[in-house]
Amino acid sequence: MKKGLTLSDILVTVLVSVIFAVLYNLWWIVHNSVQPLGLHIDQLMYGMWFSAAVVAYLIIPKMGIALLAEFAAGAGETIMMGRFDIPTIIYALLQGLACELIFAIFRYRSRAFMVCLLAGMSAAIISLPIDWYYGYLNEVATWNLILLITFRVLSGAVLAGAFPYYLVKALDQTGVTKLFRPASKDDYDAL
């Protein structure tokens, strides 16, 4: 496997990002429909906005893929919203970097379930200081803040860790993702 990104790696990553940009925009409907329930139940839906990085990395496990995927998905989301939203771009950039950090710790060699959970949780954690900066987390009561953080990190683990893992595992079973990974001896023997 080549170490650097190829044109096909970038194109596939951007394609995954476009799909997630559409999903991210549709996900606002789900998020906003549970928000009135209170107690930060909407935070349990928040992890979906971290998923593009993990899905793209699982398909193409190379350095820079997670960052590119999350950034492109965030940029695509702003385009589909019809306005350039700098906070969305900042969130996407930092969430992609958080996932890249986890994948780098494992030297871009592991596609294990636990690595995906850690990547999703790291994206959730990195989003919290941005929320603090934009000014609403410092106004929340301590018990409420703990609930928000717990739900967001849990959502990151489930929707940005477990969901992408099982989604790509299902795609692997169809054979679609084999186009983006080196062929094994068994693949050549099957010819």
C-alpha atoms as a PDB file:
ATOM      1  CA  MET A   1       0.000   0.000   0.000  1.00  0.00           C
ATOM      2  CA  LYS A   2       1.352   3.427  -0.918  1.00  0.00           C
ATOM      3  CA  LYS A   3       1.998   5.692   2.045  1.00  0.00           C
ATOM      4  CA  GLY A   4       0.834   8.938   0.451  1.00  0.00           C
ATOM      5  CA  LEU A   5      -2.652   9.767  -0.685  1.00  0.00           C
ATOM      6  CA  THR A   6      -3.507   8.937  -4.266  1.00  0.00           C
ATOM      7  CA  LEU A   7      -6.039  10.767  -6.378  1.00  0.00           C
ATOM      8  CA  SER A   8      -8.478   7.874  -5.977  1.00  0.00           C
ATOM      9  CA  ASP A   9      -8.048   8.047  -2.167  1.00  0.00           C
ATOM     10  CA  ILE A  10      -8.930  11.731  -2.212  1.00  0.00           C
ATOM     11  CA  LEU A  11     -11.880  11.270  -4.572  1.00  0.00           C
ATOM     12  CA  VAL A  12     -13.355   8.418  -2.531  1.00  0.00           C
ATOM     13  CA  THR A  13     -12.881  10.431   0.662  1.00  0.00           C
ATOM     14  CA  VAL A  14     -14.627  13.444  -0.842  1.00  0.00           C
ATOM     15  CA  LEU A  15     -17.451  11.193  -2.090  1.00  0.00           C
ATOM     16  CA  VAL A  16     -17.901   9.811   1.438  1.00  0.00           C
ATOM     17  CA  SER A  17     -17.837  13.398   2.719  1.00  0.00           C
ATOM     18  CA  VAL A  18     -20.524  14.550   0.292  1.00  0.00           C
ATOM     19  CA  ILE A  19     -22.766  11.689   1.402  1.00  0.00           C
ATOM     20  CA  PHE A  20     -22.195  12.666   5.024  1.00  0.00           C
ATOM     21  CA  ALA A  21     -22.741  16.365   4.265  1.00  0.00           C
ATOM     22  CA  VAL A  22     -26.221  15.462   3.040  1.00  0.00           C
ATOM     23  CA  LEU A  23     -26.738  13.215   6.071  1.00  0.00           C
ATOM     24  CA  TYR A  24     -25.500  15.956   8.423  1.00  0.00           C
ATOM     25  CA  ASN A  25     -28.056  18.401   7.034  1.00  0.00           C
ATOM     26  CA  LEU A  26     -30.850  15.863   7.347  1.00  0.00           C
ATOM     27  CA  TRP A  27     -29.667  14.979  10.848  1.00  0.00           C
ATOM     28  CA  TRP A  28     -30.624  18.457  12.040  1.00  0.00           C
ATOM     29  CA  ILE A  29     -34.254  17.352  11.715  1.00  0.00           C
ATOM     30  CA  VAL A  30     -33.644  14.427  14.084  1.00  0.00           C
ATOM     31  CA  HIS A  31     -31.584  16.551  16.464  1.00  0.00           C
ATOM     32  CA  ASN A  32     -34.111  19.376  16.601  1.00  0.00           C
ATOM     33  CA  SER A  33     -37.055  17.003  17.030  1.00  0.00           C
ATOM     34  CA  VAL A  34     -35.632  15.521  20.250  1.00  0.00           C
ATOM     35  CA  GLN A  35     -34.268  18.813  21.598  1.00  0.00           C
ATOM     36  CA  PRO A  36     -37.596  19.891  23.184  1.00  0.00           C
ATOM     37  CA  LEU A  37     -37.535  16.746  25.344  1.00  0.00           C
ATOM     38  CA  GLY A  38     -34.934  18.455  27.528  1.00  0.00           C
ATOM     39  CA  LEU A  39     -32.237  16.973  29.756  1.00  0.00           C
ATOM     40  CA  HIS A  40     -29.830  17.166  26.818  1.00  0.00           C
ATOM     41  CA  ILE A  41     -31.380  14.142  25.110  1.00  0.00           C
ATOM     42  CA  ASP A  42     -30.396  15.885  21.863  1.00  0.00           C
ATOM     43  CA  GLN A  43     -26.749  15.280  22.792  1.00  0.00           C
ATOM     44  CA  LEU A  44     -27.365  11.565  22.261  1.00  0.00           C
ATOM     45  CA  MET A  45     -27.858  12.428  18.574  1.00  0.00           C
ATOM     46  CA  TYR A  46     -24.781  14.676  18.353  1.00  0.00           C
ATOM     47  CA  GLY A  47     -22.275  11.963  17.469  1.00  0.00           C
ATOM     48  CA  MET A  48     -23.571  11.617  13.926  1.00  0.00           C
ATOM     49  CA  TRP A  49     -21.721  14.845  13.062  1.00  0.00           C
ATOM     50  CA  PHE A  50     -18.403  13.118  13.824  1.00  0.00           C
ATOM     51  CA  SER A  51     -18.963  10.029  11.635  1.00  0.00           C
ATOM     52  CA  ALA A  52     -17.459  10.986   8.273  1.00  0.00           C
ATOM     53  CA  ALA A  53     -13.884  10.880   9.581  1.00  0.00           C
ATOM     54  CA  VAL A  54     -14.210   7.378  11.008  1.00  0.00           C
ATOM     55  CA  VAL A  55     -16.042   5.932   7.994  1.00  0.00           C
ATOM     56  CA  ALA A  56     -13.500   7.348   5.545  1.00  0.00           C
ATOM     57  CA  TYR A  57     -10.574   6.122   7.650  1.00  0.00           C
ATOM     58  CA  LEU A  58     -12.034   2.626   7.890  1.00  0.00           C
ATOM     59  CA  ILE A  59     -12.353   2.504   4.105  1.00  0.00           C
ATOM     60  CA  ILE A  60      -8.933   4.064   3.409  1.00  0.00           C
ATOM     61  CA  PRO A  61      -6.712   3.733   6.502  1.00  0.00           C
ATOM     62  CA  LYS A  62      -4.140   6.380   5.629  1.00  0.00           C
ATOM     63  CA  MET A  63      -2.790   9.493   7.286  1.00  0.00           C
ATOM     64  CA  GLY A  64      -4.873  12.591   6.569  1.00  0.00           C
ATOM     65  CA  ILE A  65      -8.014  10.790   5.417  1.00  0.00           C
ATOM     66  CA  ALA A  66     -10.005  11.448   8.608  1.00  0.00           C
ATOM     67  CA  LEU A  67      -9.110  15.136   8.603  1.00  0.00           C
ATOM     68  CA  LEU A  68      -9.928  15.520   4.914  1.00  0.00           C
ATOM     69  CA  ALA A  69     -13.220  13.642   5.284  1.00  0.00           C
ATOM     70  CA  GLU A  70     -14.507  15.586   8.277  1.00  0.00           C
ATOM     71  CA  PHE A  71     -13.383  18.929   6.868  1.00  0.00           C
ATOM     72  CA  ALA A  72     -14.966  18.213   3.464  1.00  0.00           C
ATOM     73  CA  ALA A  73     -18.180  17.007   5.130  1.00  0.00           C
ATOM     74  CA  GLY A  74     -18.319  20.175   7.236  1.00  0.00           C
ATOM     75  CA  ALA A  75     -17.657  22.354   4.196  1.00  0.00           C
ATOM     76  CA  GLY A  76     -20.310  20.452   2.248  1.00  0.00           C
ATOM     77  CA  GLU A  77     -22.743  20.922   5.111  1.00  0.00           C
ATOM     78  CA  THR A  78     -22.237  24.693   5.024  1.00  0.00           C
ATOM     79  CA  ILE A  79     -22.713  24.744   1.255  1.00  0.00           C
ATOM     80  CA  MET A  80     -25.970  22.816   1.570  1.00  0.00           C
ATOM     81  CA  MET A  81     -27.119  25.159   4.345  1.00  0.00           C
ATOM     82  CA  GLY A  82     -26.783  27.983   1.840  1.00  0.00           C
ATOM     83  CA  ARG A  83     -24.404  30.024   3.962  1.00  0.00           C
ATOM     84  CA  PHE A  84     -20.745  29.884   4.885  1.00  0.00           C
ATOM     85  CA  ASP A  85     -20.735  28.975   8.565  1.00  0.00           C
ATOM     86  CA  ILE A  86     -17.297  29.420  10.135  1.00  0.00           C
ATOM     87  CA  PRO A  87     -18.169  27.607  13.402  1.00  0.00           C
ATOM     88  CA  THR A  88     -19.156  24.508  11.411  1.00  0.00           C
ATOM     89  CA  ILE A  89     -15.821  24.607   9.581  1.00  0.00           C
ATOM     90  CA  ILE A  90     -13.948  24.978  12.895  1.00  0.00           C
ATOM     91  CA  TYR A  91     -15.882  22.077  14.432  1.00  0.00           C
ATOM     92  CA  ALA A  92     -15.165  19.907  11.391  1.00  0.00           C
ATOM     93  CA  LEU A  93     -11.470  20.752  11.340  1.00  0.00           C
ATOM     94  CA  LEU A  94     -10.948  20.032  15.040  1.00  0.00           C
ATOM     95  CA  GLN A  95     -13.075  16.871  15.010  1.00  0.00           C
ATOM     96  CA  GLY A  96     -11.085  15.559  12.058  1.00  0.00           C
ATOM     97  CA  LEU A  97      -7.836  16.378  13.875  1.00  0.00           C
ATOM     98  CA  ALA A  98      -9.052  14.601  17.024  1.00  0.00           C
ATOM     99  CA  CYS A  99      -9.805  11.459  15.022  1.00  0.00           C
ATOM    100  CA  GLU A 100      -6.453  11.728  13.215  1.00  0.00           C
ATOM    101  CA  LEU A 101      -4.704  11.881  16.586  1.00  0.00           C
ATOM    102  CA  ILE A 102      -6.299   8.603  17.686  1.00  0.00           C
ATOM    103  CA  PHE A 103      -5.481   6.903  14.387  1.00  0.00           C
ATOM    104  CA  ALA A 104      -1.897   8.238  14.583  1.00  0.00           C
ATOM    105  CA  ILE A 105      -1.491   6.788  18.082  1.00  0.00           C
ATOM    106  CA  PHE A 106      -2.207   3.395  16.523  1.00  0.00           C
ATOM    107  CA  ARG A 107       0.101   4.273  13.568  1.00  0.00           C
ATOM    108  CA  TYR A 108      -2.758   4.033  11.075  1.00  0.00           C
ATOM    109  CA  ARG A 109      -2.592   0.231  11.310  1.00  0.00           C
ATOM    110  CA  SER A 110      -5.633  -0.571  13.403  1.00  0.00           C
ATOM    111  CA  ARG A 111      -9.229  -0.641  12.250  1.00  0.00           C
ATOM    112  CA  ALA A 112     -10.372  -2.235  15.515  1.00  0.00           C
ATOM    113  CA  PHE A 113     -13.695  -1.516  17.177  1.00  0.00           C
ATOM    114  CA  MET A 114     -11.995   0.085  20.204  1.00  0.00           C
ATOM    115  CA  VAL A 115      -9.995   2.461  17.987  1.00  0.00           C
ATOM    116  CA  CYS A 116     -13.247   3.594  16.350  1.00  0.00           C
ATOM    117  CA  LEU A 117     -14.846   4.163  19.755  1.00  0.00           C
ATOM    118  CA  LEU A 118     -11.846   6.213  20.886  1.00  0.00           C
ATOM    119  CA  ALA A 119     -11.923   8.283  17.692  1.00  0.00           C
ATOM    120  CA  GLY A 120     -15.631   9.028  18.105  1.00  0.00           C
ATOM    121  CA  MET A 121     -15.163   9.923  21.755  1.00  0.00           C
ATOM    122  CA  SER A 122     -12.181  12.175  20.981  1.00  0.00           C
ATOM    123  CA  ALA A 123     -14.220  14.062  18.377  1.00  0.00           C
ATOM    124  CA  ALA A 124     -16.956  14.542  20.972  1.00  0.00           C
ATOM    125  CA  ILE A 125     -14.503  15.773  23.582  1.00  0.00           C
ATOM    126  CA  ILE A 126     -12.813  18.252  21.215  1.00  0.00           C
ATOM    127  CA  SER A 127     -16.197  19.790  20.375  1.00  0.00           C
ATOM    128  CA  LEU A 128     -16.793  20.830  23.999  1.00  0.00           C
ATOM    129  CA  PRO A 129     -14.212  23.663  24.231  1.00  0.00           C
ATOM    130  CA  ILE A 130     -15.650  25.125  21.026  1.00  0.00           C
ATOM    131  CA  ASP A 131     -19.107  25.142  22.603  1.00  0.00           C
ATOM    132  CA  TRP A 132     -17.580  26.791  25.669  1.00  0.00           C
ATOM    133  CA  TYR A 133     -15.986  29.458  23.461  1.00  0.00           C
ATOM    134  CA  TYR A 134     -19.266  30.193  21.686  1.00  0.00           C
ATOM    135  CA  GLY A 135     -20.689  30.871  25.091  1.00  0.00           C
ATOM    136  CA  TYR A 136     -23.425  28.571  26.232  1.00  0.00           C
ATOM    137  CA  LEU A 137     -21.694  25.846  28.242  1.00  0.00           C
ATOM    138  CA  ASN A 138     -20.473  28.251  30.915  1.00  0.00           C
ATOM    139  CA  GLU A 139     -24.098  29.179  31.627  1.00  0.00           C
ATOM    140  CA  VAL A 140     -25.216  25.605  32.349  1.00  0.00           C
ATOM    141  CA  ALA A 141     -25.531  24.261  35.915  1.00  0.00           C
ATOM    142  CA  THR A 142     -22.841  21.749  36.927  1.00  0.00           C
ATOM    143  CA  TRP A 143     -25.149  18.704  37.032  1.00  0.00           C
ATOM    144  CA  ASN A 144     -26.534  19.726  33.655  1.00  0.00           C
ATOM    145  CA  LEU A 145     -23.037  20.158  32.215  1.00  0.00           C
ATOM    146  CA  ILE A 146     -22.041  16.687  33.433  1.00  0.00           C
ATOM    147  CA  LEU A 147     -25.156  15.254  31.774  1.00  0.00           C
ATOM    148  CA  LEU A 148     -24.394  17.090  28.514  1.00  0.00           C
ATOM    149  CA  ILE A 149     -20.764  15.919  28.446  1.00  0.00           C
ATOM    150  CA  THR A 150     -21.718  12.332  29.307  1.00  0.00           C
ATOM    151  CA  PHE A 151     -24.386  12.160  26.613  1.00  0.00           C
ATOM    152  CA  ARG A 152     -22.155  13.772  23.975  1.00  0.00           C
ATOM    153  CA  VAL A 153     -19.207  11.443  24.647  1.00  0.00           C
ATOM    154  CA  LEU A 154     -21.561   8.442  24.708  1.00  0.00           C
ATOM    155  CA  SER A 155     -23.037   9.603  21.409  1.00  0.00           C
ATOM    156  CA  GLY A 156     -19.549  10.001  19.983  1.00  0.00           C
ATOM    157  CA  ALA A 157     -18.744   6.425  20.967  1.00  0.00           C
ATOM    158  CA  VAL A 158     -21.967   4.980  19.536  1.00  0.00           C
ATOM    159  CA  LEU A 159     -22.783   7.133  16.487  1.00  0.00           C
ATOM    160  CA  ALA A 160     -19.224   8.048  15.482  1.00  0.00           C
ATOM    161  CA  GLY A 161     -17.488   4.891  16.692  1.00  0.00           C
ATOM    162  CA  ALA A 162     -19.712   1.815  16.673  1.00  0.00           C
ATOM    163  CA  PHE A 163     -22.020   2.898  13.829  1.00  0.00           C
ATOM    164  CA  PRO A 164     -19.182   3.593  11.333  1.00  0.00           C
ATOM    165  CA  TYR A 165     -17.442   0.371  12.368  1.00  0.00           C
ATOM    166  CA  TYR A 166     -20.502  -1.779  11.641  1.00  0.00           C
ATOM    167  CA  LEU A 167     -21.404   0.238   8.533  1.00  0.00           C
ATOM    168  CA  VAL A 168     -17.980  -0.306   6.969  1.00  0.00           C
ATOM    169  CA  LYS A 169     -17.978  -3.925   8.140  1.00  0.00           C
ATOM    170  CA  ALA A 170     -21.250  -4.396   6.225  1.00  0.00           C
ATOM    171  CA  LEU A 171     -19.723  -2.655   3.198  1.00  0.00           C
ATOM    172  CA  ASP A 172     -16.706  -4.976   3.489  1.00  0.00           C
ATOM    173  CA  GLN A 173     -19.010  -7.976   3.244  1.00  0.00           C
ATOM    174  CA  THR A 174     -20.410  -6.677  -0.040  1.00  0.00           C
ATOM    175  CA  GLY A 175     -16.888  -6.404  -1.437  1.00  0.00           C
ATOM    176  CA  VAL A 176     -17.191  -2.712  -2.279  1.00  0.00           C
ATOM    177  CA  THR A 177     -14.347  -1.592  -0.029  1.00  0.00           C
ATOM    178  CA  LYS A 178     -11.864  -4.139  -1.391  1.00  0.00           C
ATOM    179  CA  LEU A 179     -11.295  -1.757  -4.284  1.00  0.00           C
ATOM    180  CA  PHE A 180      -9.504   0.610  -1.904  1.00  0.00           C
ATOM    181  CA  ARG A 181      -7.246  -1.833  -0.078  1.00  0.00           C
ATOM    182  CA  PRO A 182      -4.371  -3.975  -1.284  1.00  0.00           C
ATOM    183  CA  ALA A 183      -5.307  -7.424  -2.525  1.00  0.00           C
ATOM    184  CA  SER A 184      -4.366 -10.399  -0.366  1.00  0.00           C
ATOM    185  CA  LYS A 185      -3.003 -13.744  -1.549  1.00  0.00           C
ATOM    186  CA  ASP A 186      -6.513 -15.207  -1.170  1.00  0.00           C
ATOM    187  CA  ASP A 187      -7.858 -12.528  -3.512  1.00  0.00           C
ATOM    188  CA  TYR A 188      -5.294 -13.458  -6.160  1.00  0.00           C
ATOM    189  CA  ASP A 189      -5.947 -17.186  -5.654  1.00  0.00           C
ATOM    190  CA  ALA A 190      -9.666 -16.578  -6.211  1.00  0.00           C
ATOM    191  CA  LEU A 191      -8.913 -15.266  -9.714  1.00  0.00           C
END
